[in-house]
Amino acid sequence: MAESKPGLRKPVFTKVAQLRPSTSGHTLTVKVVNTKMVLQKGRADAPQVRQMRIAECLVGDETGLIIFTARNDQVDLVKEGSTLTLRNAKIDMFKGSMRLAVDRWGRVEVAEPASFTVKEDNNLSLIEYELVNVEE
């Protein structure tokens, strides 16, 4: 009874314009337009103190822009102008707008510089969504 390991699937790359609220499992290649540190807690010199860092980065591709929330070690990877591959990314809702995030089940990788130019007039994080309950 030889158990065979299931083969790895090829990732299906998504464009920024295809992202929808409360979805997950996205794989994207994006360029970092700008980055801003929003939270930094903990001391780096203290032993075994968990340092908490959060940066909001405006990332995009040829279809649009979205805010990516980078946490802890991810902050070191997001440099302005760099190209990233986000694997198993999800959409979090923050104050009614979409934010892209990669949790511990995903991966942020620095990729080869991409050839596309970012479409800056389609920012999906500026669209405000409202949860509406539909009664039948």
N, C-alpha and C. Protein backbone atom coordinates (compact mmCIF):
# COMPACT_ATOMS: atom_id res chain seq x y z
N MET A 1 0.84 -1.18 0.00
CA MET A 1 0.00 0.00 0.00
C MET A 1 0.88 1.24 0.00
N ALA A 2 1.35 1.59 -1.14
CA ALA A 2 2.21 2.77 -1.26
C ALA A 2 1.33 4.01 -1.37
N GLU A 3 1.48 4.87 -0.38
CA GLU A 3 0.72 6.14 -0.40
C GLU A 3 1.45 7.13 -1.29
N SER A 4 0.79 7.66 -2.27
CA SER A 4 1.44 8.65 -3.13
C SER A 4 1.04 10.05 -2.67
N LYS A 5 2.04 10.94 -2.66
CA LYS A 5 1.81 12.32 -2.25
C LYS A 5 1.12 13.05 -3.39
N PRO A 6 0.08 13.83 -3.11
CA PRO A 6 -0.57 14.56 -4.20
C PRO A 6 0.40 15.57 -4.81
N GLY A 7 0.35 15.70 -6.12
CA GLY A 7 1.24 16.63 -6.82
C GLY A 7 0.87 18.07 -6.54
N LEU A 8 1.87 18.93 -6.55
CA LEU A 8 1.62 20.35 -6.34
C LEU A 8 0.94 20.95 -7.56
N ARG A 9 -0.02 21.82 -7.30
CA ARG A 9 -0.72 22.48 -8.40
C ARG A 9 0.04 23.73 -8.80
N LYS A 10 -0.05 24.07 -10.08
CA LYS A 10 0.53 25.31 -10.56
C LYS A 10 -0.31 26.46 -10.02
N PRO A 11 0.32 27.55 -9.55
CA PRO A 11 -0.47 28.67 -9.05
C PRO A 11 -1.19 29.39 -10.18
N VAL A 12 -2.40 29.84 -9.88
CA VAL A 12 -3.17 30.64 -10.83
C VAL A 12 -3.02 32.08 -10.40
N PHE A 13 -2.36 32.88 -11.23
CA PHE A 13 -2.11 34.27 -10.86
C PHE A 13 -3.34 35.12 -11.09
N THR A 14 -3.61 35.99 -10.13
CA THR A 14 -4.76 36.89 -10.15
C THR A 14 -4.27 38.31 -10.40
N LYS A 15 -5.09 39.11 -11.06
CA LYS A 15 -4.79 40.53 -11.25
C LYS A 15 -5.48 41.31 -10.13
N VAL A 16 -4.95 42.48 -9.82
CA VAL A 16 -5.50 43.30 -8.74
C VAL A 16 -6.96 43.66 -9.00
N ALA A 17 -7.33 43.95 -10.22
CA ALA A 17 -8.70 44.34 -10.54
C ALA A 17 -9.71 43.20 -10.31
N GLN A 18 -9.24 41.95 -10.21
CA GLN A 18 -10.14 40.81 -10.00
C GLN A 18 -10.42 40.55 -8.52
N LEU A 19 -9.76 41.26 -7.62
CA LEU A 19 -9.93 41.01 -6.19
C LEU A 19 -11.30 41.48 -5.71
N ARG A 20 -11.91 40.70 -4.83
CA ARG A 20 -13.23 41.00 -4.28
C ARG A 20 -13.18 40.91 -2.76
N PRO A 21 -14.10 41.57 -2.05
CA PRO A 21 -14.09 41.54 -0.58
C PRO A 21 -14.22 40.13 -0.01
N SER A 22 -13.51 39.89 1.09
CA SER A 22 -13.57 38.64 1.87
C SER A 22 -13.26 37.39 1.05
N THR A 23 -12.31 37.48 0.13
CA THR A 23 -11.86 36.32 -0.62
C THR A 23 -10.43 35.98 -0.19
N SER A 24 -9.99 34.78 -0.52
CA SER A 24 -8.64 34.37 -0.12
C SER A 24 -8.06 33.42 -1.14
N GLY A 25 -6.79 33.05 -0.94
CA GLY A 25 -6.13 32.11 -1.82
C GLY A 25 -5.60 32.74 -3.09
N HIS A 26 -5.33 34.03 -3.07
CA HIS A 26 -4.86 34.73 -4.27
C HIS A 26 -3.34 34.63 -4.40
N THR A 27 -2.85 34.52 -5.63
CA THR A 27 -1.44 34.60 -5.93
C THR A 27 -1.27 35.75 -6.91
N LEU A 28 -0.47 36.75 -6.53
CA LEU A 28 -0.32 37.94 -7.35
C LEU A 28 1.15 38.31 -7.50
N THR A 29 1.47 38.98 -8.60
CA THR A 29 2.76 39.63 -8.78
C THR A 29 2.48 41.12 -8.84
N VAL A 30 3.06 41.87 -7.90
CA VAL A 30 2.77 43.30 -7.78
C VAL A 30 4.07 44.10 -7.61
N LYS A 31 3.98 45.38 -7.94
CA LYS A 31 5.07 46.31 -7.69
C LYS A 31 4.70 47.17 -6.49
N VAL A 32 5.68 47.50 -5.66
CA VAL A 32 5.46 48.36 -4.51
C VAL A 32 5.59 49.81 -4.97
N VAL A 33 4.49 50.59 -4.83
CA VAL A 33 4.50 52.00 -5.24
C VAL A 33 5.07 52.86 -4.11
N ASN A 34 4.55 52.67 -2.89
CA ASN A 34 5.13 53.34 -1.72
C ASN A 34 4.82 52.54 -0.48
N THR A 35 5.51 52.86 0.61
CA THR A 35 5.34 52.13 1.86
C THR A 35 5.42 53.09 3.03
N LYS A 36 4.61 52.82 4.06
CA LYS A 36 4.56 53.70 5.23
C LYS A 36 4.41 52.84 6.49
N MET A 37 5.32 53.02 7.44
CA MET A 37 5.27 52.30 8.71
C MET A 37 4.14 52.90 9.55
N VAL A 38 3.22 52.05 10.03
CA VAL A 38 2.09 52.55 10.83
C VAL A 38 2.15 52.13 12.29
N LEU A 39 2.90 51.05 12.60
CA LEU A 39 2.98 50.58 13.99
C LEU A 39 4.30 49.88 14.22
N GLN A 40 4.96 50.25 15.32
CA GLN A 40 6.19 49.57 15.70
C GLN A 40 6.22 49.49 17.22
N LYS A 41 6.11 48.26 17.73
CA LYS A 41 6.09 48.03 19.17
C LYS A 41 7.21 47.08 19.55
N GLY A 42 7.67 47.18 20.78
CA GLY A 42 8.70 46.27 21.26
C GLY A 42 10.08 46.83 21.02
N ARG A 43 11.04 46.35 21.81
CA ARG A 43 12.41 46.80 21.67
C ARG A 43 13.23 45.71 21.01
N ALA A 44 14.05 46.08 20.07
CA ALA A 44 14.86 45.10 19.35
C ALA A 44 16.00 44.57 20.21
N ASP A 45 16.44 45.36 21.21
CA ASP A 45 17.59 44.94 22.01
C ASP A 45 17.22 44.04 23.18
N ALA A 46 15.96 43.97 23.53
CA ALA A 46 15.53 43.14 24.66
C ALA A 46 15.43 41.68 24.22
N PRO A 47 15.94 40.73 25.04
CA PRO A 47 15.87 39.33 24.64
C PRO A 47 14.45 38.78 24.73
N GLN A 48 14.08 38.01 23.74
CA GLN A 48 12.80 37.30 23.67
C GLN A 48 11.58 38.20 23.81
N VAL A 49 11.70 39.44 23.38
CA VAL A 49 10.54 40.33 23.34
C VAL A 49 10.04 40.32 21.90
N ARG A 50 8.79 40.01 21.75
CA ARG A 50 8.23 39.96 20.41
C ARG A 50 8.06 41.39 19.87
N GLN A 51 8.71 41.64 18.77
CA GLN A 51 8.61 42.95 18.15
C GLN A 51 7.47 42.93 17.15
N MET A 52 6.62 43.95 17.19
CA MET A 52 5.46 44.01 16.30
C MET A 52 5.63 45.20 15.37
N ARG A 53 5.66 44.91 14.07
CA ARG A 53 5.77 45.98 13.08
C ARG A 53 4.69 45.80 12.03
N ILE A 54 4.05 46.90 11.67
CA ILE A 54 3.03 46.86 10.61
C ILE A 54 3.29 48.04 9.67
N ALA A 55 3.33 47.76 8.38
CA ALA A 55 3.49 48.80 7.37
C ALA A 55 2.37 48.67 6.35
N GLU A 56 1.86 49.81 5.91
CA GLU A 56 0.87 49.82 4.83
C GLU A 56 1.59 50.19 3.55
N CYS A 57 1.46 49.34 2.55
CA CYS A 57 2.17 49.53 1.29
C CYS A 57 1.15 49.60 0.16
N LEU A 58 1.31 50.58 -0.70
CA LEU A 58 0.46 50.67 -1.88
C LEU A 58 1.13 49.83 -2.97
N VAL A 59 0.47 48.75 -3.36
CA VAL A 59 1.02 47.85 -4.38
C VAL A 59 0.05 47.77 -5.55
N GLY A 60 0.57 47.40 -6.71
CA GLY A 60 -0.33 47.31 -7.86
C GLY A 60 0.30 46.59 -9.04
N ASP A 61 -0.54 46.39 -10.06
CA ASP A 61 -0.09 45.82 -11.32
C ASP A 61 -0.70 46.65 -12.44
N GLU A 62 -0.75 46.08 -13.64
CA GLU A 62 -1.24 46.85 -14.78
C GLU A 62 -2.75 47.07 -14.75
N THR A 63 -3.47 46.48 -13.77
CA THR A 63 -4.92 46.65 -13.70
C THR A 63 -5.38 47.55 -12.56
N GLY A 64 -4.52 47.80 -11.56
CA GLY A 64 -4.96 48.66 -10.46
C GLY A 64 -4.04 48.60 -9.26
N LEU A 65 -4.47 49.29 -8.19
CA LEU A 65 -3.72 49.40 -6.94
C LEU A 65 -4.55 48.88 -5.78
N ILE A 66 -3.87 48.46 -4.69
CA ILE A 66 -4.54 48.09 -3.45
C ILE A 66 -3.54 48.26 -2.32
N ILE A 67 -4.02 48.49 -1.12
CA ILE A 67 -3.13 48.61 0.04
C ILE A 67 -2.83 47.21 0.57
N PHE A 68 -1.54 46.91 0.71
CA PHE A 68 -1.08 45.64 1.26
C PHE A 68 -0.57 45.90 2.67
N THR A 69 -1.08 45.15 3.65
CA THR A 69 -0.65 45.30 5.04
C THR A 69 0.46 44.29 5.30
N ALA A 70 1.69 44.81 5.44
CA ALA A 70 2.85 43.95 5.70
C ALA A 70 3.07 43.88 7.21
N ARG A 71 3.32 42.68 7.71
CA ARG A 71 3.51 42.48 9.15
C ARG A 71 4.88 41.87 9.44
N ASN A 72 5.51 42.35 10.51
CA ASN A 72 6.76 41.83 11.05
C ASN A 72 7.85 41.62 10.00
N ASP A 73 8.23 40.36 9.69
CA ASP A 73 9.32 40.11 8.75
C ASP A 73 8.99 40.55 7.32
N GLN A 74 7.71 40.63 7.00
CA GLN A 74 7.31 41.07 5.66
C GLN A 74 7.71 42.52 5.41
N VAL A 75 7.80 43.33 6.48
CA VAL A 75 8.13 44.75 6.35
C VAL A 75 9.50 44.92 5.71
N ASP A 76 10.45 44.02 6.03
CA ASP A 76 11.80 44.12 5.47
C ASP A 76 11.83 43.87 3.97
N LEU A 77 10.84 43.15 3.43
CA LEU A 77 10.82 42.79 2.01
C LEU A 77 10.21 43.87 1.13
N VAL A 78 9.33 44.71 1.69
CA VAL A 78 8.61 45.68 0.88
C VAL A 78 9.40 46.99 0.80
N LYS A 79 10.10 47.14 -0.30
CA LYS A 79 10.86 48.36 -0.57
C LYS A 79 10.23 49.03 -1.78
N GLU A 80 10.21 50.35 -1.76
CA GLU A 80 9.62 51.11 -2.85
C GLU A 80 10.28 50.74 -4.19
N GLY A 81 9.46 50.40 -5.18
CA GLY A 81 9.97 50.04 -6.49
C GLY A 81 10.27 48.57 -6.69
N SER A 82 10.23 47.77 -5.62
CA SER A 82 10.52 46.34 -5.76
C SER A 82 9.29 45.58 -6.26
N THR A 83 9.53 44.41 -6.81
CA THR A 83 8.45 43.55 -7.31
C THR A 83 8.31 42.37 -6.36
N LEU A 84 7.06 42.07 -5.96
CA LEU A 84 6.79 41.00 -5.01
C LEU A 84 5.85 39.96 -5.62
N THR A 85 6.02 38.72 -5.18
CA THR A 85 5.04 37.68 -5.46
C THR A 85 4.36 37.35 -4.14
N LEU A 86 3.06 37.54 -4.08
CA LEU A 86 2.27 37.26 -2.87
C LEU A 86 1.53 35.94 -3.10
N ARG A 87 1.80 34.97 -2.25
CA ARG A 87 1.16 33.66 -2.39
C ARG A 87 0.16 33.45 -1.26
N ASN A 88 -1.00 32.91 -1.60
CA ASN A 88 -2.08 32.65 -0.65
C ASN A 88 -2.49 33.91 0.10
N ALA A 89 -2.60 35.01 -0.64
CA ALA A 89 -3.00 36.29 -0.05
C ALA A 89 -4.51 36.30 0.15
N LYS A 90 -4.97 37.13 1.09
CA LYS A 90 -6.41 37.23 1.35
C LYS A 90 -6.79 38.70 1.42
N ILE A 91 -8.09 38.93 1.30
CA ILE A 91 -8.63 40.29 1.38
C ILE A 91 -9.25 40.47 2.76
N ASP A 92 -8.72 41.40 3.53
CA ASP A 92 -9.31 41.79 4.81
C ASP A 92 -10.09 43.08 4.59
N MET A 93 -11.17 43.24 5.33
CA MET A 93 -11.94 44.48 5.26
C MET A 93 -11.54 45.36 6.45
N PHE A 94 -11.22 46.62 6.18
CA PHE A 94 -10.83 47.57 7.22
C PHE A 94 -11.59 48.86 6.99
N LYS A 95 -12.50 49.17 7.92
CA LYS A 95 -13.35 50.37 7.80
C LYS A 95 -14.06 50.44 6.45
N GLY A 96 -14.55 49.29 5.99
CA GLY A 96 -15.34 49.25 4.76
C GLY A 96 -14.54 49.19 3.48
N SER A 97 -13.20 49.19 3.56
CA SER A 97 -12.41 49.12 2.33
C SER A 97 -11.52 47.87 2.34
N MET A 98 -11.09 47.46 1.15
CA MET A 98 -10.31 46.23 1.02
C MET A 98 -8.83 46.48 1.32
N ARG A 99 -8.23 45.52 2.01
CA ARG A 99 -6.79 45.52 2.26
C ARG A 99 -6.27 44.12 1.91
N LEU A 100 -5.15 44.05 1.26
CA LEU A 100 -4.52 42.78 0.92
C LEU A 100 -3.60 42.39 2.07
N ALA A 101 -3.61 41.12 2.46
CA ALA A 101 -2.76 40.65 3.56
C ALA A 101 -2.30 39.23 3.27
N VAL A 102 -1.14 38.88 3.83
CA VAL A 102 -0.62 37.52 3.74
C VAL A 102 -0.38 37.07 5.17
N ASP A 103 -1.10 36.04 5.61
CA ASP A 103 -0.95 35.55 6.98
C ASP A 103 0.11 34.44 7.02
N ARG A 104 0.14 33.68 8.10
CA ARG A 104 1.19 32.67 8.24
C ARG A 104 1.05 31.51 7.26
N TRP A 105 -0.09 31.37 6.61
CA TRP A 105 -0.29 30.30 5.64
C TRP A 105 0.15 30.71 4.25
N GLY A 106 0.55 31.96 4.10
CA GLY A 106 0.97 32.45 2.79
C GLY A 106 2.44 32.79 2.79
N ARG A 107 2.89 33.41 1.71
CA ARG A 107 4.30 33.75 1.58
C ARG A 107 4.46 35.02 0.77
N VAL A 108 5.41 35.86 1.19
CA VAL A 108 5.79 37.06 0.45
C VAL A 108 7.20 36.83 -0.06
N GLU A 109 7.40 36.94 -1.37
CA GLU A 109 8.71 36.72 -1.96
C GLU A 109 9.09 37.90 -2.84
N VAL A 110 10.37 38.27 -2.80
CA VAL A 110 10.86 39.29 -3.72
C VAL A 110 11.07 38.61 -5.07
N ALA A 111 10.53 39.20 -6.13
CA ALA A 111 10.59 38.59 -7.46
C ALA A 111 11.49 39.42 -8.37
N GLU A 112 11.70 38.89 -9.57
CA GLU A 112 12.45 39.62 -10.59
C GLU A 112 11.67 40.89 -10.95
N PRO A 113 12.36 41.99 -11.26
CA PRO A 113 11.64 43.22 -11.63
C PRO A 113 10.67 42.98 -12.78
N ALA A 114 9.44 43.41 -12.59
CA ALA A 114 8.39 43.17 -13.59
C ALA A 114 8.46 44.24 -14.69
N SER A 115 7.95 43.88 -15.85
CA SER A 115 8.00 44.77 -17.01
C SER A 115 6.78 45.69 -17.11
N PHE A 116 5.73 45.42 -16.32
CA PHE A 116 4.51 46.22 -16.46
C PHE A 116 4.63 47.55 -15.73
N THR A 117 3.75 48.50 -16.13
CA THR A 117 3.66 49.77 -15.40
C THR A 117 2.36 49.73 -14.61
N VAL A 118 2.41 50.25 -13.40
CA VAL A 118 1.27 50.20 -12.49
C VAL A 118 0.19 51.18 -12.93
N LYS A 119 -1.05 50.70 -12.99
CA LYS A 119 -2.19 51.57 -13.31
C LYS A 119 -2.62 52.26 -12.03
N GLU A 120 -2.28 53.55 -11.90
CA GLU A 120 -2.47 54.25 -10.64
C GLU A 120 -3.83 54.92 -10.48
N ASP A 121 -4.68 54.88 -11.50
CA ASP A 121 -5.98 55.54 -11.39
C ASP A 121 -7.10 54.58 -11.01
N ASN A 122 -6.76 53.34 -10.60
CA ASN A 122 -7.77 52.36 -10.19
C ASN A 122 -7.37 51.80 -8.82
N ASN A 123 -7.58 52.58 -7.76
CA ASN A 123 -7.20 52.16 -6.40
C ASN A 123 -8.40 51.47 -5.75
N LEU A 124 -8.32 50.14 -5.60
CA LEU A 124 -9.43 49.37 -5.04
C LEU A 124 -9.63 49.64 -3.55
N SER A 125 -8.61 50.15 -2.86
CA SER A 125 -8.75 50.45 -1.43
C SER A 125 -9.55 51.72 -1.18
N LEU A 126 -9.80 52.51 -2.21
CA LEU A 126 -10.61 53.72 -2.05
C LEU A 126 -12.10 53.44 -2.20
N ILE A 127 -12.46 52.25 -2.67
CA ILE A 127 -13.87 51.88 -2.83
C ILE A 127 -14.38 51.42 -1.47
N GLU A 128 -15.47 52.03 -1.01
CA GLU A 128 -16.03 51.66 0.28
C GLU A 128 -17.18 50.69 0.08
N TYR A 129 -17.13 49.58 0.82
CA TYR A 129 -18.16 48.56 0.74
C TYR A 129 -19.02 48.60 1.99
N GLU A 130 -20.27 48.19 1.84
CA GLU A 130 -21.19 48.15 2.99
C GLU A 130 -21.86 46.78 3.01
N LEU A 131 -21.90 46.18 4.19
CA LEU A 131 -22.55 44.89 4.33
C LEU A 131 -24.05 45.09 4.42
N VAL A 132 -24.77 44.47 3.48
CA VAL A 132 -26.22 44.62 3.42
C VAL A 132 -26.85 43.25 3.62
N ASN A 133 -27.78 43.15 4.55
CA ASN A 133 -28.50 41.90 4.77
C ASN A 133 -29.73 41.88 3.88
N VAL A 134 -29.86 40.83 3.09
CA VAL A 134 -30.97 40.72 2.16
C VAL A 134 -31.97 39.72 2.76
N GLU A 135 -33.21 40.17 2.92
CA GLU A 135 -34.25 39.28 3.43
C GLU A 135 -35.06 38.76 2.27
N GLU A 136 -35.37 37.47 2.35
CA GLU A 136 -36.12 36.84 1.23
C GLU A 136 -37.59 36.83 1.51
